[in-house]
Amino acid sequence: KNFEKEISSSKDKKKIFKYIRSTLNTKVYIPSVRDNVGNLSTDNKTSASIFVDTFSKAFSREPAGPLPKISTRRNQNTISDVTISPELVEAAIKGLKSNSSPN
Protein backbone atom coordinates (compact mmCIF):
# COMPACT_ATOMS: atom_id res chain seq x y z
CA LYS A 1 0.00 0.00 0.00
CA ASN A 2 2.85 2.43 0.75
CA PHE A 3 4.28 1.75 -2.69
CA GLU A 4 0.94 2.59 -4.32
CA LYS A 5 0.66 5.81 -2.29
CA GLU A 6 4.18 6.77 -3.32
CA ILE A 7 3.44 6.17 -6.99
CA SER A 8 0.08 7.95 -6.90
CA SER A 9 1.67 11.07 -5.43
CA SER A 10 4.63 10.94 -7.81
CA LYS A 11 4.90 13.45 -10.64
CA ASP A 12 6.80 10.89 -12.71
CA LYS A 13 4.18 9.69 -15.20
CA LYS A 14 6.40 6.86 -16.41
CA LYS A 15 6.35 5.23 -12.95
CA ILE A 16 2.57 5.47 -12.80
CA PHE A 17 1.99 3.95 -16.25
CA LYS A 18 4.60 1.24 -15.63
CA TYR A 19 2.74 0.23 -12.47
CA ILE A 20 -0.63 0.25 -14.23
CA ARG A 21 0.70 -1.93 -17.07
CA SER A 22 2.20 -4.38 -14.57
CA THR A 23 -1.16 -4.85 -12.83
CA LEU A 24 -3.28 -5.41 -15.93
CA ASN A 25 -4.17 -9.01 -16.67
CA THR A 26 -5.35 -9.09 -20.25
CA LYS A 27 -5.84 -12.39 -21.97
CA VAL A 28 -4.59 -12.54 -25.54
CA TYR A 29 -6.80 -14.54 -27.87
CA ILE A 30 -7.49 -14.98 -31.55
CA PRO A 31 -10.98 -13.67 -32.39
CA SER A 32 -13.57 -15.64 -34.34
CA VAL A 33 -13.51 -14.64 -37.99
CA ARG A 34 -15.47 -15.55 -41.11
CA ASP A 35 -13.92 -17.39 -44.01
CA ASN A 36 -14.47 -16.48 -47.67
CA VAL A 37 -17.73 -18.49 -47.70
CA GLY A 38 -19.06 -16.79 -44.56
CA ASN A 39 -18.56 -19.61 -42.05
CA LEU A 40 -17.57 -18.44 -38.56
CA SER A 41 -14.41 -20.01 -37.14
CA THR A 42 -14.89 -22.08 -34.01
CA ASP A 43 -11.31 -22.47 -32.77
CA ASN A 44 -7.96 -20.68 -32.80
CA LYS A 45 -6.42 -23.00 -35.39
CA THR A 46 -9.21 -22.34 -37.90
CA SER A 47 -9.05 -18.58 -37.25
CA ALA A 48 -5.29 -18.60 -37.78
CA SER A 49 -5.72 -20.51 -41.06
CA ILE A 50 -8.26 -17.94 -42.27
CA PHE A 51 -5.81 -15.13 -41.44
CA VAL A 52 -3.02 -16.95 -43.31
CA ASP A 53 -5.23 -17.42 -46.38
CA THR A 54 -6.35 -13.79 -46.35
CA PHE A 55 -2.89 -12.27 -45.91
CA SER A 56 -1.22 -14.63 -48.37
CA LYS A 57 -3.56 -13.28 -51.06
CA ALA A 58 -2.70 -9.69 -50.17
CA PHE A 59 1.08 -10.13 -49.99
CA SER A 60 3.37 -12.00 -52.33
CA ARG A 61 6.98 -13.14 -52.29
CA GLU A 62 9.49 -11.39 -54.49
CA PRO A 63 11.00 -13.62 -57.17
CA ALA A 64 14.54 -14.85 -56.59
CA GLY A 65 17.32 -12.78 -58.10
CA PRO A 66 18.38 -9.17 -58.03
CA LEU A 67 15.85 -6.50 -57.22
CA PRO A 68 14.95 -3.98 -59.91
CA LYS A 69 16.94 -0.75 -59.90
CA ILE A 70 15.06 2.32 -58.79
CA SER A 71 16.25 5.69 -59.97
CA THR A 72 16.95 8.12 -57.17
CA ARG A 73 15.27 11.48 -57.48
CA ARG A 74 17.01 14.48 -56.03
CA ASN A 75 15.10 17.53 -54.98
CA GLN A 76 16.85 20.57 -56.40
CA ASN A 77 14.83 23.03 -54.32
CA THR A 78 16.48 24.55 -51.28
CA ILE A 79 15.29 26.48 -48.27
CA SER A 80 17.56 29.47 -48.10
CA ASP A 81 15.50 31.82 -45.93
CA VAL A 82 15.58 29.69 -42.76
CA THR A 83 18.22 30.44 -40.17
CA ILE A 84 18.84 28.06 -37.28
CA SER A 85 21.20 29.54 -34.76
CA PRO A 86 22.88 27.74 -31.86
CA GLU A 87 20.86 29.95 -29.50
CA LEU A 88 17.60 28.84 -31.12
CA VAL A 89 18.57 25.17 -30.78
CA GLU A 90 19.64 25.67 -27.16
CA ALA A 91 16.35 27.40 -26.31
CA ALA A 92 14.37 24.57 -27.92
CA ILE A 93 16.34 21.93 -26.00
CA LYS A 94 15.92 23.76 -22.70
CA GLY A 95 12.16 23.91 -23.35
CA LEU A 96 11.90 20.11 -23.52
CA LYS A 97 10.50 18.24 -20.53
CA SER A 98 13.10 15.80 -19.25
CA ASN A 99 10.58 13.42 -17.68
CA SER A 100 8.29 12.82 -20.66
CA SER A 101 8.49 11.53 -24.19
CA PRO A 102 7.34 13.48 -27.25
CA ASN A 103 3.84 12.78 -28.55
C-alpha atoms as a PDB file:
ATOM      1  CA  LYS A   1       0.000   0.000   0.000  1.00  0.00           C
ATOM      2  CA  ASN A   2       2.845   2.431   0.754  1.00  0.00           C
ATOM      3  CA  PHE A   3       4.282   1.749  -2.693  1.00  0.00           C
ATOM      4  CA  GLU A   4       0.941   2.591  -4.317  1.00  0.00           C
ATOM      5  CA  LYS A   5       0.659   5.812  -2.294  1.00  0.00           C
ATOM      6  CA  GLU A   6       4.184   6.766  -3.316  1.00  0.00           C
ATOM      7  CA  ILE A   7       3.437   6.167  -6.990  1.00  0.00           C
ATOM      8  CA  SER A   8       0.076   7.946  -6.897  1.00  0.00           C
ATOM      9  CA  SER A   9       1.666  11.068  -5.429  1.00  0.00           C
ATOM     10  CA  SER A  10       4.628  10.943  -7.815  1.00  0.00           C
ATOM     11  CA  LYS A  11       4.897  13.451 -10.642  1.00  0.00           C
ATOM     12  CA  ASP A  12       6.805  10.893 -12.714  1.00  0.00           C
ATOM     13  CA  LYS A  13       4.183   9.695 -15.200  1.00  0.00           C
ATOM     14  CA  LYS A  14       6.404   6.861 -16.406  1.00  0.00           C
ATOM     15  CA  LYS A  15       6.348   5.233 -12.950  1.00  0.00           C
ATOM     16  CA  ILE A  16       2.570   5.475 -12.798  1.00  0.00           C
ATOM     17  CA  PHE A  17       1.993   3.953 -16.245  1.00  0.00           C
ATOM     18  CA  LYS A  18       4.601   1.237 -15.626  1.00  0.00           C
ATOM     19  CA  TYR A  19       2.745   0.232 -12.469  1.00  0.00           C
ATOM     20  CA  ILE A  20      -0.633   0.245 -14.235  1.00  0.00           C
ATOM     21  CA  ARG A  21       0.705  -1.932 -17.072  1.00  0.00           C
ATOM     22  CA  SER A  22       2.196  -4.378 -14.569  1.00  0.00           C
ATOM     23  CA  THR A  23      -1.165  -4.852 -12.829  1.00  0.00           C
ATOM     24  CA  LEU A  24      -3.276  -5.414 -15.930  1.00  0.00           C
ATOM     25  CA  ASN A  25      -4.168  -9.009 -16.670  1.00  0.00           C
ATOM     26  CA  THR A  26      -5.351  -9.094 -20.247  1.00  0.00           C
ATOM     27  CA  LYS A  27      -5.837 -12.388 -21.971  1.00  0.00           C
ATOM     28  CA  VAL A  28      -4.591 -12.537 -25.538  1.00  0.00           C
ATOM     29  CA  TYR A  29      -6.797 -14.536 -27.870  1.00  0.00           C
ATOM     30  CA  ILE A  30      -7.493 -14.978 -31.547  1.00  0.00           C
ATOM     31  CA  PRO A  31     -10.981 -13.673 -32.385  1.00  0.00           C
ATOM     32  CA  SER A  32     -13.565 -15.635 -34.337  1.00  0.00           C
ATOM     33  CA  VAL A  33     -13.514 -14.639 -37.993  1.00  0.00           C
ATOM     34  CA  ARG A  34     -15.469 -15.545 -41.106  1.00  0.00           C
ATOM     35  CA  ASP A  35     -13.916 -17.394 -44.011  1.00  0.00           C
ATOM     36  CA  ASN A  36     -14.469 -16.484 -47.671  1.00  0.00           C
ATOM     37  CA  VAL A  37     -17.729 -18.490 -47.700  1.00  0.00           C
ATOM     38  CA  GLY A  38     -19.057 -16.787 -44.556  1.00  0.00           C
ATOM     39  CA  ASN A  39     -18.565 -19.607 -42.046  1.00  0.00           C
ATOM     40  CA  LEU A  40     -17.574 -18.439 -38.560  1.00  0.00           C
ATOM     41  CA  SER A  41     -14.411 -20.007 -37.141  1.00  0.00           C
ATOM     42  CA  THR A  42     -14.891 -22.084 -34.013  1.00  0.00           C
ATOM     43  CA  ASP A  43     -11.311 -22.468 -32.769  1.00  0.00           C
ATOM     44  CA  ASN A  44      -7.955 -20.680 -32.796  1.00  0.00           C
ATOM     45  CA  LYS A  45      -6.416 -22.998 -35.388  1.00  0.00           C
ATOM     46  CA  THR A  46      -9.208 -22.340 -37.897  1.00  0.00           C
ATOM     47  CA  SER A  47      -9.052 -18.582 -37.246  1.00  0.00           C
ATOM     48  CA  ALA A  48      -5.292 -18.602 -37.782  1.00  0.00           C
ATOM     49  CA  SER A  49      -5.720 -20.509 -41.059  1.00  0.00           C
ATOM     50  CA  ILE A  50      -8.256 -17.940 -42.269  1.00  0.00           C
ATOM     51  CA  PHE A  51      -5.812 -15.134 -41.442  1.00  0.00           C
ATOM     52  CA  VAL A  52      -3.024 -16.950 -43.314  1.00  0.00           C
ATOM     53  CA  ASP A  53      -5.229 -17.419 -46.382  1.00  0.00           C
ATOM     54  CA  THR A  54      -6.350 -13.785 -46.346  1.00  0.00           C
ATOM     55  CA  PHE A  55      -2.889 -12.275 -45.911  1.00  0.00           C
ATOM     56  CA  SER A  56      -1.216 -14.633 -48.370  1.00  0.00           C
ATOM     57  CA  LYS A  57      -3.561 -13.284 -51.058  1.00  0.00           C
ATOM     58  CA  ALA A  58      -2.703  -9.687 -50.172  1.00  0.00           C
ATOM     59  CA  PHE A  59       1.077 -10.126 -49.992  1.00  0.00           C
ATOM     60  CA  SER A  60       3.373 -11.998 -52.334  1.00  0.00           C
ATOM     61  CA  ARG A  61       6.983 -13.142 -52.285  1.00  0.00           C
ATOM     62  CA  GLU A  62       9.491 -11.389 -54.495  1.00  0.00           C
ATOM     63  CA  PRO A  63      11.000 -13.616 -57.173  1.00  0.00           C
ATOM     64  CA  ALA A  64      14.545 -14.853 -56.592  1.00  0.00           C
ATOM     65  CA  GLY A  65      17.321 -12.781 -58.104  1.00  0.00           C
ATOM     66  CA  PRO A  66      18.377  -9.168 -58.033  1.00  0.00           C
ATOM     67  CA  LEU A  67      15.847  -6.496 -57.215  1.00  0.00           C
ATOM     68  CA  PRO A  68      14.954  -3.981 -59.912  1.00  0.00           C
ATOM     69  CA  LYS A  69      16.941  -0.751 -59.899  1.00  0.00           C
ATOM     70  CA  ILE A  70      15.060   2.322 -58.792  1.00  0.00           C
ATOM     71  CA  SER A  71      16.249   5.690 -59.973  1.00  0.00           C
ATOM     72  CA  THR A  72      16.952   8.121 -57.170  1.00  0.00           C
ATOM     73  CA  ARG A  73      15.268  11.476 -57.484  1.00  0.00           C
ATOM     74  CA  ARG A  74      17.009  14.477 -56.031  1.00  0.00           C
ATOM     75  CA  ASN A  75      15.103  17.533 -54.975  1.00  0.00           C
ATOM     76  CA  GLN A  76      16.850  20.572 -56.400  1.00  0.00           C
ATOM     77  CA  ASN A  77      14.826  23.032 -54.320  1.00  0.00           C
ATOM     78  CA  THR A  78      16.477  24.551 -51.283  1.00  0.00           C
ATOM     79  CA  ILE A  79      15.292  26.479 -48.268  1.00  0.00           C
ATOM     80  CA  SER A  80      17.558  29.475 -48.095  1.00  0.00           C
ATOM     81  CA  ASP A  81      15.503  31.816 -45.930  1.00  0.00           C
ATOM     82  CA  VAL A  82      15.585  29.690 -42.764  1.00  0.00           C
ATOM     83  CA  THR A  83      18.222  30.441 -40.169  1.00  0.00           C
ATOM     84  CA  ILE A  84      18.836  28.061 -37.285  1.00  0.00           C
ATOM     85  CA  SER A  85      21.203  29.539 -34.761  1.00  0.00           C
ATOM     86  CA  PRO A  86      22.882  27.736 -31.861  1.00  0.00           C
ATOM     87  CA  GLU A  87      20.860  29.947 -29.504  1.00  0.00           C
ATOM     88  CA  LEU A  88      17.598  28.842 -31.122  1.00  0.00           C
ATOM     89  CA  VAL A  89      18.565  25.169 -30.776  1.00  0.00           C
ATOM     90  CA  GLU A  90      19.638  25.671 -27.163  1.00  0.00           C
ATOM     91  CA  ALA A  91      16.351  27.397 -26.308  1.00  0.00           C
ATOM     92  CA  ALA A  92      14.370  24.572 -27.917  1.00  0.00           C
ATOM     93  CA  ILE A  93      16.336  21.932 -25.999  1.00  0.00           C
ATOM     94  CA  LYS A  94      15.917  23.764 -22.700  1.00  0.00           C
ATOM     95  CA  GLY A  95      12.163  23.909 -23.354  1.00  0.00           C
ATOM     96  CA  LEU A  96      11.904  20.108 -23.518  1.00  0.00           C
ATOM     97  CA  LYS A  97      10.504  18.239 -20.530  1.00  0.00           C
ATOM     98  CA  SER A  98      13.101  15.802 -19.248  1.00  0.00           C
ATOM     99  CA  ASN A  99      10.577  13.419 -17.681  1.00  0.00           C
ATOM    100  CA  SER A 100       8.293  12.823 -20.660  1.00  0.00           C
ATOM    101  CA  SER A 101       8.492  11.531 -24.187  1.00  0.00           C
ATOM    102  CA  PRO A 102       7.343  13.476 -27.248  1.00  0.00           C
ATOM    103  CA  ASN A 103       3.843  12.782 -28.554  1.00  0.00           C
END
